[in-house]
Amino acid sequence: MRYRVKLQWSVITKLPTASKNFLNDSSILFNFKGGKSFLRSIGGKIRCSYEPVTLEPTDIFHDDLKKSKEELGFSGKKFPYVIDNFLTDISTRLNVNFHLFGNTLCANYILDEIDVDDDVDLGRLQLIENHPQIKSLILKIAGIFKEGKRHAHSVPSLPKYYPAIRIVSLKKDSESWRSDMATLVARHPQMRTEVVSAVLNKNDPHQVDESLILVDKQGILAYVPFTAPSTAPGNLQRFKNMTSMLELAAVIKLQMSCGVNLPKDIIKIITNPDQAISSSVSSQKSWVLINSEFKLQDELNYFEPQKDSEIMRKILIVTVTQVESMSVKTAFQEETTEKSKRKVVDGHVYQELGTIGDSLCFLCISEMGTSGLSGSLVTVQQGIKDLQPDVVIMVGIAFGIDKSKFTIGDILVSQQLQLYDLQRVNNDDSFELRGDKPHASARPLNWARHAKLDWHADNAKVEIGLILSGDKLIDNHDYHETLSKLIPGAIGGEMEAAGLYVACQSAQVDWIMIKAICDWADGHKAKKKEANQKKAATNAAQFAIHLLKVSSDV
């Protein structure tokens, strides 16, 4: 054997809106996970927070592929699939991972290492078109994403893809191995000498040892010469870093071509590529080169983002107390790096908090409780009328039910509400709660479930469940115990969500409540009141921002 080869392809596609909505609103085919590991894989602490959602295929997804997989000659229940005779007498395995950047999908198809002889054409090996089994699988999976459903048809043609190949030489290298590798990465046979030199020269600044990493607009190549086996581990790590950088650049370029509004930190790493990575010189120089190869700065000069009215959804954040309102303003300012702006509509004052992902966010402030001229019912009704939001999120502080399960600052999200003021008082002075238990809207509740998956705030867990709501300000141990016994499934309580529900239900606007525990409504509200309320309000505000980022299209 002459070479040990590792081969993979990054396949980039833009998803239709209907397909993206299906992924957002369903966990049938995929489980959603955070994408911080992707940013770490770039190496050197890149100065951006544009992480993808990692889609983990479920058993249903693999069942949907079962027939196609068997027809194509793959084996194995889940990824990685085994491929018999990938090359003559050479079997390997194919793993697949999926990264969703808003409405843009990167599917990475990664082969295990194989050993090949001199007669294998490494140029042809890089082309998906020369591997019918893998090509057909890619077309099938792309169809599932494009149609956003099971039993989808294969797409007719391959999406844009970028190969990455790593080669470890197992025998003495030819004298022209560097030139050979430059020709291989550019995929231009019989390149002129000056062109070969240009490929090597532009890649020279980020080289660190006797191995080679080459970047071209066509893809990535890594080479470990026979004379420098000790460079293999470092070369492999830089190869992985480069493939992640290329993935990010390819996604950004496609999104700019579609007019997708990009986060500000992405704009900064495009316009200032030499400052994008803080702690690795080689990674920094690699990003400068990839930025240049993909012509990201040129694309940005002609970039015309879609108008806010075309892509922005409006989110109305509702708070009640001063500590809730200030916590929301502070959290949004830290996230957006912009101060809120006052917005007046027909004499009613709101705060424009800024943009999180594709959500333009506003703040309105209610008085305590549901009823009254400025209670949550009237306030939310007016906010819906003035701003026409897509979703209303109430953010703030609540009381907890069970000290053995929760602590101050833990975050409660409404799956259902139970109105504790609607009661039947019996002849023996006992009482029963009446009325149904309305559910929060399906869409934001779906966001909350996925946001919970990768929420990592210290000492603040997230619980989604039944919330008590009523106009009584409860600070009585006996009454608290009575309520908790009447509704054993309740996780907490507050005073304004009932008005939120009624106003949004009437206007057919999605809603959800996010509040964190500041006390136990047991007669000891005054104990560390200020500190506990600030902690709870801050946690709730930060989780609301996290939820909006998870649910964004960009």
Protein backbone atom coordinates (compact mmCIF):
# COMPACT_ATOMS: atom_id res chain seq x y z
CA MET A 1 0.00 0.00 0.00
CA ARG A 2 1.24 3.49 -0.86
CA TYR A 3 -1.18 5.85 0.95
CA ARG A 4 -3.49 5.93 3.96
CA VAL A 5 -6.43 8.12 2.95
CA LYS A 6 -9.17 9.86 4.91
CA LEU A 7 -11.93 11.30 2.76
CA GLN A 8 -15.03 13.38 3.46
CA TRP A 9 -17.47 15.72 1.75
CA SER A 10 -19.38 18.75 3.08
CA VAL A 11 -22.70 19.06 1.22
CA ILE A 12 -24.32 22.52 1.54
CA THR A 13 -28.01 23.18 0.80
CA LYS A 14 -30.56 25.90 1.51
CA LEU A 15 -33.80 24.49 2.90
CA PRO A 16 -37.25 25.66 1.81
CA THR A 17 -39.30 27.47 4.45
CA ALA A 18 -41.77 24.60 4.75
CA SER A 19 -38.98 22.11 5.38
CA LYS A 20 -37.34 24.38 7.96
CA ASN A 21 -40.68 24.79 9.75
CA PHE A 22 -41.09 21.01 9.81
CA LEU A 23 -37.70 20.62 11.48
CA ASN A 24 -38.53 23.34 14.00
CA ASP A 25 -41.90 21.91 14.91
CA SER A 26 -41.09 18.21 14.98
CA SER A 27 -38.64 15.89 16.65
CA ILE A 28 -39.80 12.87 14.64
CA LEU A 29 -36.72 12.56 12.44
CA PHE A 30 -34.08 14.36 14.52
CA ASN A 31 -33.13 15.26 18.04
CA PHE A 32 -31.73 18.77 18.36
CA LYS A 33 -28.43 19.45 20.13
CA GLY A 34 -26.28 22.52 20.62
CA GLY A 35 -23.47 23.41 18.23
CA LYS A 36 -20.79 24.84 20.53
CA SER A 37 -18.55 21.86 19.73
CA PHE A 38 -18.57 23.00 16.09
CA LEU A 39 -17.13 26.39 17.01
CA ARG A 40 -14.52 24.71 19.19
CA SER A 41 -13.58 22.44 16.27
CA ILE A 42 -12.46 25.51 14.28
CA GLY A 43 -9.60 25.92 16.73
CA GLY A 44 -8.07 29.01 18.27
CA LYS A 45 -11.26 30.49 19.76
CA ILE A 46 -12.89 32.15 16.77
CA ARG A 47 -14.57 35.43 17.68
CA CYS A 48 -18.12 34.57 16.70
CA SER A 49 -21.09 32.83 18.28
CA TYR A 50 -22.75 31.62 15.08
CA GLU A 51 -23.16 28.01 16.11
CA PRO A 52 -25.33 25.53 14.23
CA VAL A 53 -27.95 23.22 15.63
CA THR A 54 -26.68 19.65 15.46
CA LEU A 55 -29.35 17.25 14.18
CA GLU A 56 -29.09 13.75 15.60
CA PRO A 57 -31.06 11.23 13.47
CA THR A 58 -33.71 9.25 15.33
CA ASP A 59 -34.65 5.62 14.84
CA ILE A 60 -37.53 6.83 12.64
CA PHE A 61 -35.06 8.58 10.32
CA HIS A 62 -33.00 5.40 9.97
CA ASP A 63 -36.13 3.30 9.44
CA ASP A 64 -37.08 5.69 6.63
CA LEU A 65 -33.69 5.06 4.99
CA LYS A 66 -33.79 1.30 5.51
CA LYS A 67 -35.08 0.31 2.08
CA SER A 68 -32.79 2.69 0.20
CA LYS A 69 -29.82 1.65 2.34
CA GLU A 70 -30.33 -2.03 1.59
CA GLU A 71 -30.86 -1.43 -2.12
CA LEU A 72 -27.63 0.57 -2.26
CA GLY A 73 -25.63 -2.13 -0.50
CA PHE A 74 -25.00 -0.41 2.82
CA SER A 75 -25.27 -2.36 6.06
CA GLY A 76 -25.75 -1.34 9.68
CA LYS A 77 -28.81 -0.08 11.55
CA LYS A 78 -27.49 3.43 12.12
CA PHE A 79 -24.58 5.62 11.09
CA PRO A 80 -21.87 4.71 10.44
CA TYR A 81 -22.97 2.47 7.59
CA VAL A 82 -20.63 -0.23 6.32
CA ILE A 83 -19.71 -0.10 2.61
CA ASP A 84 -18.44 -3.35 1.15
CA ASN A 85 -16.09 -2.96 -1.80
CA PHE A 86 -15.88 0.82 -1.69
CA LEU A 87 -12.81 0.13 -3.82
CA THR A 88 -11.85 -3.30 -5.10
CA ASP A 89 -11.39 -5.52 -2.04
CA ILE A 90 -11.52 -2.48 0.25
CA SER A 91 -14.42 -1.98 2.65
CA THR A 92 -14.96 1.02 4.92
CA ARG A 93 -17.59 2.82 6.94
CA LEU A 94 -19.52 6.01 6.18
CA ASN A 95 -20.57 8.34 8.99
CA VAL A 96 -22.88 11.33 8.49
CA ASN A 97 -23.52 14.38 10.64
CA PHE A 98 -25.88 17.30 10.10
CA HIS A 99 -25.37 20.95 11.06
CA LEU A 100 -28.29 23.34 10.61
CA PHE A 101 -27.35 27.04 10.35
CA GLY A 102 -30.76 28.70 10.30
CA ASN A 103 -32.15 27.69 6.92
CA THR A 104 -28.86 26.31 5.61
CA LEU A 105 -27.86 22.67 6.08
CA CYS A 106 -24.37 21.24 5.99
CA ALA A 107 -24.33 17.44 5.80
CA ASN A 108 -20.87 15.96 6.32
CA TYR A 109 -20.25 12.51 4.83
CA ILE A 110 -17.09 11.06 6.40
CA LEU A 111 -15.31 7.83 5.47
CA ASP A 112 -13.05 5.85 7.76
CA GLU A 113 -9.41 5.73 6.71
CA ILE A 114 -8.45 3.27 3.98
CA ASP A 115 -5.11 2.12 2.60
CA VAL A 116 -4.75 2.38 -1.19
CA ASP A 117 -2.14 1.44 -3.82
CA ASP A 118 -0.26 3.62 -6.27
CA ASP A 119 -2.69 2.91 -9.08
CA VAL A 120 -5.65 4.58 -7.31
CA ASP A 121 -6.48 7.92 -8.91
CA LEU A 122 -6.72 10.26 -5.90
CA GLY A 123 -8.29 12.98 -8.04
CA ARG A 124 -11.17 10.74 -9.08
CA LEU A 125 -11.45 9.45 -5.52
CA GLN A 126 -12.48 12.95 -4.35
CA LEU A 127 -15.49 13.18 -6.67
CA ILE A 128 -18.83 12.00 -5.26
CA GLU A 129 -19.95 11.32 -8.81
CA ASN A 130 -17.46 8.41 -8.92
CA HIS A 131 -19.09 6.71 -5.91
CA PRO A 132 -22.66 5.78 -7.01
CA GLN A 133 -23.67 4.29 -3.63
CA ILE A 134 -22.72 7.42 -1.71
CA LYS A 135 -24.17 9.73 -4.35
CA SER A 136 -27.54 7.97 -4.23
CA LEU A 137 -27.60 8.12 -0.43
CA ILE A 138 -26.84 11.86 -0.52
CA LEU A 139 -29.64 12.46 -3.03
CA LYS A 140 -32.07 10.48 -0.86
CA ILE A 141 -31.17 12.31 2.34
CA ALA A 142 -31.26 15.68 0.58
CA GLY A 143 -34.80 14.82 -0.54
CA ILE A 144 -35.89 14.22 3.05
CA PHE A 145 -34.60 17.65 4.03
CA LYS A 146 -35.95 19.41 0.95
CA GLU A 147 -39.47 17.99 1.33
CA GLY A 148 -39.38 18.07 5.13
CA LYS A 149 -41.06 14.72 5.53
CA ARG A 150 -40.62 10.97 5.60
CA HIS A 151 -40.79 8.84 2.44
CA ALA A 152 -39.48 11.76 0.40
CA HIS A 153 -38.20 11.47 -3.17
CA SER A 154 -34.53 11.83 -3.94
CA VAL A 155 -33.46 15.19 -5.32
CA PRO A 156 -32.52 15.04 -9.02
CA SER A 157 -28.99 16.48 -8.77
CA LEU A 158 -26.16 16.80 -6.30
CA PRO A 159 -26.10 19.95 -4.16
CA LYS A 160 -22.91 21.96 -3.92
CA TYR A 161 -20.22 19.99 -2.12
CA TYR A 162 -16.63 20.45 -0.96
CA PRO A 163 -14.25 17.48 -0.68
CA ALA A 164 -11.59 17.21 2.01
CA ILE A 165 -8.89 14.56 1.67
CA ARG A 166 -6.04 13.66 4.01
CA ILE A 167 -3.19 11.50 2.74
CA VAL A 168 -0.47 9.82 4.79
CA SER A 169 2.39 8.50 2.67
CA LEU A 170 3.41 4.93 3.50
CA LYS A 171 6.36 4.79 1.09
CA LYS A 172 9.13 7.10 -0.04
CA ASP A 173 7.76 10.33 -1.48
CA SER A 174 8.37 11.45 -5.02
CA GLU A 175 10.48 14.58 -5.47
CA SER A 176 7.44 16.42 -6.85
CA TRP A 177 5.02 15.53 -4.03
CA ARG A 178 4.30 19.14 -3.08
CA SER A 179 3.46 20.07 -6.65
CA ASP A 180 1.41 16.90 -7.02
CA MET A 181 -0.65 17.83 -3.96
CA ALA A 182 -1.23 21.39 -5.24
CA THR A 183 -2.56 19.95 -8.50
CA LEU A 184 -4.73 17.50 -6.59
CA VAL A 185 -6.40 20.09 -4.34
CA ALA A 186 -7.12 22.44 -7.24
CA ARG A 187 -8.54 19.55 -9.31
CA HIS A 188 -6.87 20.89 -12.45
CA PRO A 189 -4.69 18.23 -14.13
CA GLN A 190 -1.55 19.41 -15.90
CA MET A 191 -1.54 22.81 -14.20
CA ARG A 192 1.11 25.25 -15.32
CA THR A 193 4.14 25.63 -13.07
CA GLU A 194 3.29 29.21 -12.10
CA VAL A 195 -0.23 28.16 -11.07
CA VAL A 196 1.13 25.32 -8.94
CA SER A 197 3.53 27.79 -7.31
CA ALA A 198 0.67 30.19 -6.63
CA VAL A 199 -1.32 27.47 -4.81
CA LEU A 200 1.68 26.57 -2.65
CA ASN A 201 2.65 30.20 -1.97
CA LYS A 202 -0.78 31.32 -0.83
CA ASN A 203 -0.87 28.37 1.59
CA ASP A 204 2.65 28.84 2.91
CA PRO A 205 1.84 31.31 5.77
CA HIS A 206 -0.25 28.82 7.78
CA GLN A 207 2.14 25.83 7.51
CA VAL A 208 3.73 24.81 10.83
CA ASP A 209 5.83 21.69 10.12
CA GLU A 210 7.02 19.39 7.33
CA SER A 211 3.50 18.14 6.61
CA LEU A 212 1.20 20.06 4.30
CA ILE A 213 -2.30 21.57 4.53
CA LEU A 214 -3.67 23.12 1.35
CA VAL A 215 -6.85 25.18 0.98
CA ASP A 216 -8.48 26.02 -2.32
CA LYS A 217 -11.94 27.19 -3.27
CA GLN A 218 -12.50 23.59 -4.42
CA GLY A 219 -11.77 21.99 -1.04
CA ILE A 220 -9.04 20.94 1.40
CA LEU A 221 -6.06 18.59 1.22
CA ALA A 222 -3.69 17.43 3.95
CA TYR A 223 -0.51 15.43 3.33
CA VAL A 224 1.91 13.74 5.73
CA PRO A 225 5.15 12.78 3.94
CA PHE A 226 6.87 9.48 4.60
CA THR A 227 9.91 11.34 5.93
CA ALA A 228 7.94 13.14 8.67
CA PRO A 229 5.66 10.64 10.45
CA SER A 230 5.86 12.58 13.73
CA THR A 231 3.86 15.41 12.14
CA ALA A 232 0.78 13.19 11.64
CA PRO A 233 -1.14 14.04 14.87
CA GLY A 234 -0.79 17.79 14.42
CA ASN A 235 -1.62 17.51 10.75
CA LEU A 236 -4.82 15.61 11.55
CA GLN A 237 -5.92 18.25 14.06
CA ARG A 238 -5.31 21.10 11.60
CA PHE A 239 -7.16 19.12 8.92
CA LYS A 240 -10.19 18.93 11.20
CA ASN A 241 -9.92 22.65 12.02
CA MET A 242 -9.75 23.51 8.33
CA THR A 243 -12.79 21.44 7.38
CA SER A 244 -14.85 23.25 10.01
CA MET A 245 -13.61 26.64 8.78
CA LEU A 246 -14.49 25.71 5.22
CA GLU A 247 -17.96 24.62 6.33
CA LEU A 248 -18.56 27.96 8.06
CA ALA A 249 -17.31 29.95 5.06
CA ALA A 250 -19.42 27.95 2.59
CA VAL A 251 -22.55 28.44 4.71
CA ILE A 252 -21.91 32.18 5.07
CA LYS A 253 -21.38 32.59 1.33
CA LEU A 254 -24.62 30.77 0.47
CA GLN A 255 -26.58 32.76 3.03
CA MET A 256 -25.25 36.07 1.73
CA SER A 257 -26.26 35.07 -1.79
CA CYS A 258 -29.80 34.50 -0.46
CA GLY A 259 -29.95 37.84 1.39
CA VAL A 260 -30.01 36.28 4.85
CA ASN A 261 -29.30 38.79 7.61
CA LEU A 262 -26.04 37.76 9.26
CA PRO A 263 -25.12 38.28 12.92
CA LYS A 264 -22.83 41.24 13.59
CA ASP A 265 -19.95 39.07 14.76
CA ILE A 266 -20.00 37.23 11.42
CA ILE A 267 -19.72 40.55 9.59
CA LYS A 268 -16.72 41.39 11.79
CA ILE A 269 -14.82 38.16 11.05
CA ILE A 270 -15.40 38.78 7.34
CA THR A 271 -14.31 42.42 7.32
CA ASN A 272 -11.46 41.84 9.81
CA PRO A 273 -10.32 38.27 9.06
CA ASP A 274 -6.86 38.91 10.50
CA GLN A 275 -8.45 39.47 13.92
CA ALA A 276 -11.01 36.65 13.84
CA ILE A 277 -9.12 34.05 15.89
CA SER A 278 -7.41 34.99 19.11
CA SER A 279 -5.21 32.14 20.29
CA SER A 280 -3.75 30.31 17.30
CA VAL A 281 -1.52 31.92 14.69
CA SER A 282 -1.91 29.06 12.20
CA SER A 283 -5.71 29.01 12.59
CA GLN A 284 -5.79 32.78 12.19
CA LYS A 285 -3.82 32.62 8.95
CA SER A 286 -5.96 29.73 7.75
CA TRP A 287 -9.14 31.76 8.23
CA VAL A 288 -7.62 34.70 6.32
CA LEU A 289 -6.93 32.35 3.40
CA ILE A 290 -10.35 30.67 3.46
CA ASN A 291 -12.01 34.10 3.68
CA SER A 292 -10.06 35.08 0.57
CA GLU A 293 -10.74 31.83 -1.32
CA PHE A 294 -14.47 32.18 -0.81
CA LYS A 295 -14.31 35.91 -1.59
CA LEU A 296 -16.40 36.68 1.46
CA GLN A 297 -15.43 40.34 1.59
CA ASP A 298 -16.34 40.76 -2.08
CA GLU A 299 -19.67 39.04 -1.45
CA LEU A 300 -20.30 41.37 1.47
CA ASN A 301 -19.79 44.43 -0.76
CA TYR A 302 -22.71 43.29 -2.92
CA PHE A 303 -24.71 41.80 -0.06
CA GLU A 304 -28.30 43.06 0.05
CA PRO A 305 -30.05 41.70 3.14
CA GLN A 306 -33.77 41.16 2.92
CA LYS A 307 -35.87 43.88 4.49
CA ASP A 308 -36.88 43.36 8.09
CA SER A 309 -40.51 43.27 7.06
CA GLU A 310 -39.74 40.31 4.80
CA ILE A 311 -37.87 38.11 7.25
CA MET A 312 -38.22 39.45 10.78
CA ARG A 313 -40.68 37.97 13.18
CA LYS A 314 -41.79 40.27 15.99
CA ILE A 315 -41.50 39.17 19.59
CA LEU A 316 -43.25 41.05 22.40
CA ILE A 317 -41.62 40.57 25.81
CA VAL A 318 -43.91 41.34 28.75
CA THR A 319 -42.61 42.23 32.22
CA VAL A 320 -44.26 43.56 35.38
CA THR A 321 -41.86 44.65 38.09
CA GLN A 322 -38.92 47.05 37.86
CA VAL A 323 -36.42 44.25 38.47
CA GLU A 324 -37.96 42.18 35.66
CA SER A 325 -37.91 45.09 33.20
CA MET A 326 -34.34 46.12 34.00
CA SER A 327 -33.12 42.52 33.82
CA VAL A 328 -34.63 42.13 30.35
CA LYS A 329 -33.16 45.44 29.13
CA THR A 330 -29.73 44.56 30.51
CA ALA A 331 -29.70 41.02 29.09
CA PHE A 332 -30.72 42.22 25.62
CA GLN A 333 -28.17 45.03 25.67
CA GLU A 334 -25.42 42.57 26.55
CA GLU A 335 -26.52 40.23 23.77
CA THR A 336 -27.07 42.82 21.01
CA THR A 337 -24.46 45.36 22.20
CA GLU A 338 -27.07 48.07 21.60
CA LYS A 339 -29.18 50.10 23.99
CA SER A 340 -32.94 49.79 23.79
CA LYS A 341 -34.86 52.58 22.05
CA ARG A 342 -38.17 54.02 23.11
CA LYS A 343 -41.01 53.41 20.64
CA VAL A 344 -44.35 55.19 20.98
CA VAL A 345 -47.45 53.87 19.22
CA ASP A 346 -50.71 55.81 19.65
CA GLY A 347 -49.51 57.19 22.95
CA HIS A 348 -48.41 53.82 24.37
CA VAL A 349 -44.71 53.49 25.18
CA TYR A 350 -42.65 50.40 24.37
CA GLN A 351 -38.95 49.59 24.28
CA GLU A 352 -37.36 48.28 21.08
CA LEU A 353 -34.83 45.82 22.49
CA GLY A 354 -33.03 44.92 19.28
CA THR A 355 -32.65 41.84 17.13
CA ILE A 356 -31.91 38.30 18.26
CA GLY A 357 -31.38 36.07 15.23
CA ASP A 358 -34.39 36.79 13.04
CA SER A 359 -36.51 38.14 15.91
CA LEU A 360 -37.14 41.87 16.33
CA CYS A 361 -37.96 42.22 20.03
CA PHE A 362 -40.02 44.75 21.95
CA LEU A 363 -40.76 45.23 25.65
CA CYS A 364 -44.04 46.25 27.22
CA ILE A 365 -44.64 46.68 30.95
CA SER A 366 -47.77 45.58 32.77
CA GLU A 367 -49.03 46.31 36.24
CA MET A 368 -49.15 43.47 38.72
CA GLY A 369 -51.99 40.98 38.27
CA THR A 370 -54.35 40.18 35.44
CA SER A 371 -57.26 42.58 35.94
CA GLY A 372 -57.34 46.35 36.14
CA LEU A 373 -56.81 49.06 33.55
CA SER A 374 -53.10 48.30 33.26
CA GLY A 375 -53.08 44.62 34.25
CA SER A 376 -51.61 41.96 32.00
CA LEU A 377 -54.83 41.30 30.08
CA VAL A 378 -55.28 44.90 28.91
CA THR A 379 -51.53 45.51 28.49
CA VAL A 380 -50.99 42.48 26.27
CA GLN A 381 -54.14 43.23 24.27
CA GLN A 382 -52.86 46.75 23.60
CA GLY A 383 -49.37 45.49 22.74
CA ILE A 384 -50.79 43.02 20.23
CA LYS A 385 -52.89 45.77 18.66
CA ASP A 386 -49.99 48.25 18.43
CA LEU A 387 -47.11 45.97 17.44
CA GLN A 388 -48.78 42.90 15.89
CA PRO A 389 -46.24 40.43 17.30
CA ASP A 390 -45.89 36.85 16.12
CA VAL A 391 -45.19 35.62 19.66
CA VAL A 392 -45.67 37.08 23.14
CA ILE A 393 -43.32 35.94 25.89
CA MET A 394 -43.89 36.89 29.53
CA VAL A 395 -40.59 37.02 31.39
CA GLY A 396 -39.96 37.51 35.08
CA ILE A 397 -40.20 36.06 38.59
CA ALA A 398 -42.42 33.40 40.17
CA PHE A 399 -42.83 31.45 43.37
CA GLY A 400 -41.71 27.84 43.58
CA ILE A 401 -43.64 24.87 44.94
CA ASP A 402 -41.17 22.21 45.99
CA LYS A 403 -37.89 23.14 47.72
CA SER A 404 -36.67 19.56 47.42
CA LYS A 405 -36.70 19.73 43.61
CA PHE A 406 -35.92 23.39 42.90
CA THR A 407 -33.80 26.24 44.15
CA ILE A 408 -33.88 30.01 43.90
CA GLY A 409 -33.17 31.04 40.31
CA ASP A 410 -34.44 27.86 38.63
CA ILE A 411 -36.42 28.63 35.49
CA LEU A 412 -40.06 27.64 35.02
CA VAL A 413 -41.69 27.49 31.59
CA SER A 414 -45.43 27.18 31.14
CA GLN A 415 -46.63 24.03 29.45
CA GLN A 416 -50.07 24.61 30.98
CA LEU A 417 -51.74 27.11 33.31
CA GLN A 418 -54.10 26.51 36.25
CA LEU A 419 -56.02 29.60 37.38
CA TYR A 420 -56.05 29.44 41.19
CA ASP A 421 -58.56 32.30 41.70
CA LEU A 422 -61.32 30.39 39.91
CA GLN A 423 -62.62 28.35 42.84
CA ARG A 424 -65.62 26.56 44.27
CA VAL A 425 -65.94 27.14 48.03
CA ASN A 426 -67.64 24.18 49.69
CA ASN A 427 -69.99 24.14 52.70
CA ASP A 428 -67.18 22.84 54.93
CA ASP A 429 -64.98 25.85 53.95
CA SER A 430 -62.79 23.72 51.74
CA PHE A 431 -62.36 24.82 48.14
CA GLU A 432 -61.67 23.32 44.73
CA LEU A 433 -60.00 24.88 41.70
CA ARG A 434 -62.17 25.06 38.61
CA GLY A 435 -61.69 25.60 34.89
CA ASP A 436 -59.50 23.92 32.33
CA LYS A 437 -55.72 23.94 32.07
CA PRO A 438 -54.86 25.87 28.89
CA HIS A 439 -51.71 24.88 27.05
CA ALA A 440 -49.04 27.33 25.97
CA SER A 441 -48.79 27.65 22.19
CA ALA A 442 -47.16 24.73 20.41
CA ARG A 443 -44.54 26.71 18.50
CA PRO A 444 -42.82 28.57 21.38
CA LEU A 445 -43.23 25.50 23.59
CA ASN A 446 -41.31 23.55 20.95
CA TRP A 447 -38.61 26.21 21.02
CA ALA A 448 -38.40 25.93 24.80
CA ARG A 449 -37.93 22.16 24.70
CA HIS A 450 -35.03 22.47 22.27
CA ALA A 451 -33.55 25.46 24.12
CA LYS A 452 -33.54 23.37 27.29
CA LEU A 453 -31.34 20.74 25.62
CA ASP A 454 -28.25 22.94 25.46
CA TRP A 455 -28.92 25.38 28.29
CA HIS A 456 -25.76 25.44 30.39
CA ALA A 457 -26.28 28.27 32.88
CA ASP A 458 -24.76 27.43 36.24
CA ASN A 459 -27.19 26.62 39.06
CA ALA A 460 -30.30 27.34 37.00
CA LYS A 461 -32.12 24.34 35.66
CA VAL A 462 -35.12 24.64 33.36
CA GLU A 463 -38.42 22.89 34.07
CA ILE A 464 -41.40 22.88 31.71
CA GLY A 465 -44.73 22.16 33.37
CA LEU A 466 -47.94 23.35 34.99
CA ILE A 467 -47.93 26.92 36.36
CA LEU A 468 -50.48 28.34 38.81
CA SER A 469 -51.72 31.84 37.99
CA GLY A 470 -54.02 34.23 39.83
CA ASP A 471 -54.44 37.77 41.17
CA LYS A 472 -53.67 36.88 44.79
CA LEU A 473 -50.18 37.76 45.99
CA ILE A 474 -49.42 34.66 48.03
CA ASP A 475 -47.10 34.81 51.03
CA ASN A 476 -48.76 32.34 53.36
CA HIS A 477 -47.44 28.89 54.19
CA ASP A 478 -50.84 27.26 54.75
CA TYR A 479 -52.38 28.63 51.56
CA HIS A 480 -49.26 27.62 49.61
CA GLU A 481 -49.51 24.07 51.00
CA THR A 482 -53.22 23.87 50.19
CA LEU A 483 -52.63 24.88 46.57
CA SER A 484 -49.77 22.43 46.15
CA LYS A 485 -51.94 19.58 47.45
CA LEU A 486 -54.87 20.54 45.20
CA ILE A 487 -52.61 20.60 42.13
CA PRO A 488 -49.80 18.13 42.84
CA GLY A 489 -48.28 18.52 39.39
CA ALA A 490 -47.74 22.29 39.64
CA ILE A 491 -44.12 23.48 39.58
CA GLY A 492 -44.68 27.15 40.49
CA GLY A 493 -47.02 30.10 40.42
CA GLU A 494 -47.34 33.79 39.53
CA MET A 495 -49.95 36.51 38.94
CA GLU A 496 -50.04 37.62 35.28
CA ALA A 497 -49.92 34.63 32.92
CA ALA A 498 -53.71 34.22 32.97
CA GLY A 499 -54.09 37.64 31.33
CA LEU A 500 -51.37 36.75 28.84
CA TYR A 501 -53.21 33.60 27.86
CA VAL A 502 -56.62 35.25 27.46
CA ALA A 503 -55.29 38.18 25.39
CA CYS A 504 -53.23 35.98 23.08
CA GLN A 505 -55.91 33.32 22.70
CA SER A 506 -58.42 35.96 21.66
CA ALA A 507 -56.04 37.48 19.10
CA GLN A 508 -54.73 34.07 17.93
CA VAL A 509 -51.14 34.98 18.78
CA ASP A 510 -48.64 32.44 20.12
CA TRP A 511 -47.61 32.83 23.77
CA ILE A 512 -45.47 31.33 26.50
CA MET A 513 -44.38 32.27 30.00
CA ILE A 514 -40.77 32.10 31.25
CA LYS A 515 -40.25 32.97 34.91
CA ALA A 516 -37.69 31.94 37.49
CA ILE A 517 -38.17 31.16 41.19
CA CYS A 518 -37.51 34.06 43.58
CA ASP A 519 -39.32 32.75 46.69
CA TRP A 520 -41.61 30.01 48.00
CA ALA A 521 -44.75 32.07 48.85
CA ASP A 522 -44.51 30.70 52.39
CA GLY A 523 -44.44 33.85 54.51
CA HIS A 524 -40.73 34.57 53.99
CA LYS A 525 -40.77 36.67 50.80
CA ALA A 526 -38.83 39.45 52.51
CA LYS A 527 -35.80 37.24 53.17
CA LYS A 528 -33.07 38.21 50.67
CA LYS A 529 -35.87 39.59 48.51
CA GLU A 530 -33.84 41.99 46.38
CA ALA A 531 -31.01 39.56 45.62
CA ASN A 532 -33.34 36.61 44.94
CA GLN A 533 -35.59 38.61 42.63
CA LYS A 534 -32.63 39.97 40.67
CA LYS A 535 -31.13 36.48 40.27
CA ALA A 536 -34.45 35.01 39.14
CA ALA A 537 -35.28 37.84 36.74
CA THR A 538 -31.80 37.69 35.19
CA ASN A 539 -31.98 33.93 34.65
CA ALA A 540 -35.43 34.17 33.05
CA ALA A 541 -34.30 36.97 30.72
CA GLN A 542 -31.19 35.08 29.65
CA PHE A 543 -33.14 31.90 28.94
CA ALA A 544 -35.66 33.89 26.87
CA ILE A 545 -32.77 35.18 24.73
CA HIS A 546 -31.35 31.66 24.45
CA LEU A 547 -34.76 30.39 23.32
CA LEU A 548 -34.96 33.06 20.60
CA LYS A 549 -31.46 32.19 19.35
CA VAL A 550 -32.27 28.47 19.21
CA SER A 551 -35.46 29.16 17.25
CA SER A 552 -33.94 31.62 14.77
CA ASP A 553 -33.55 31.06 11.04
CA VAL A 554 -30.07 32.63 11.07
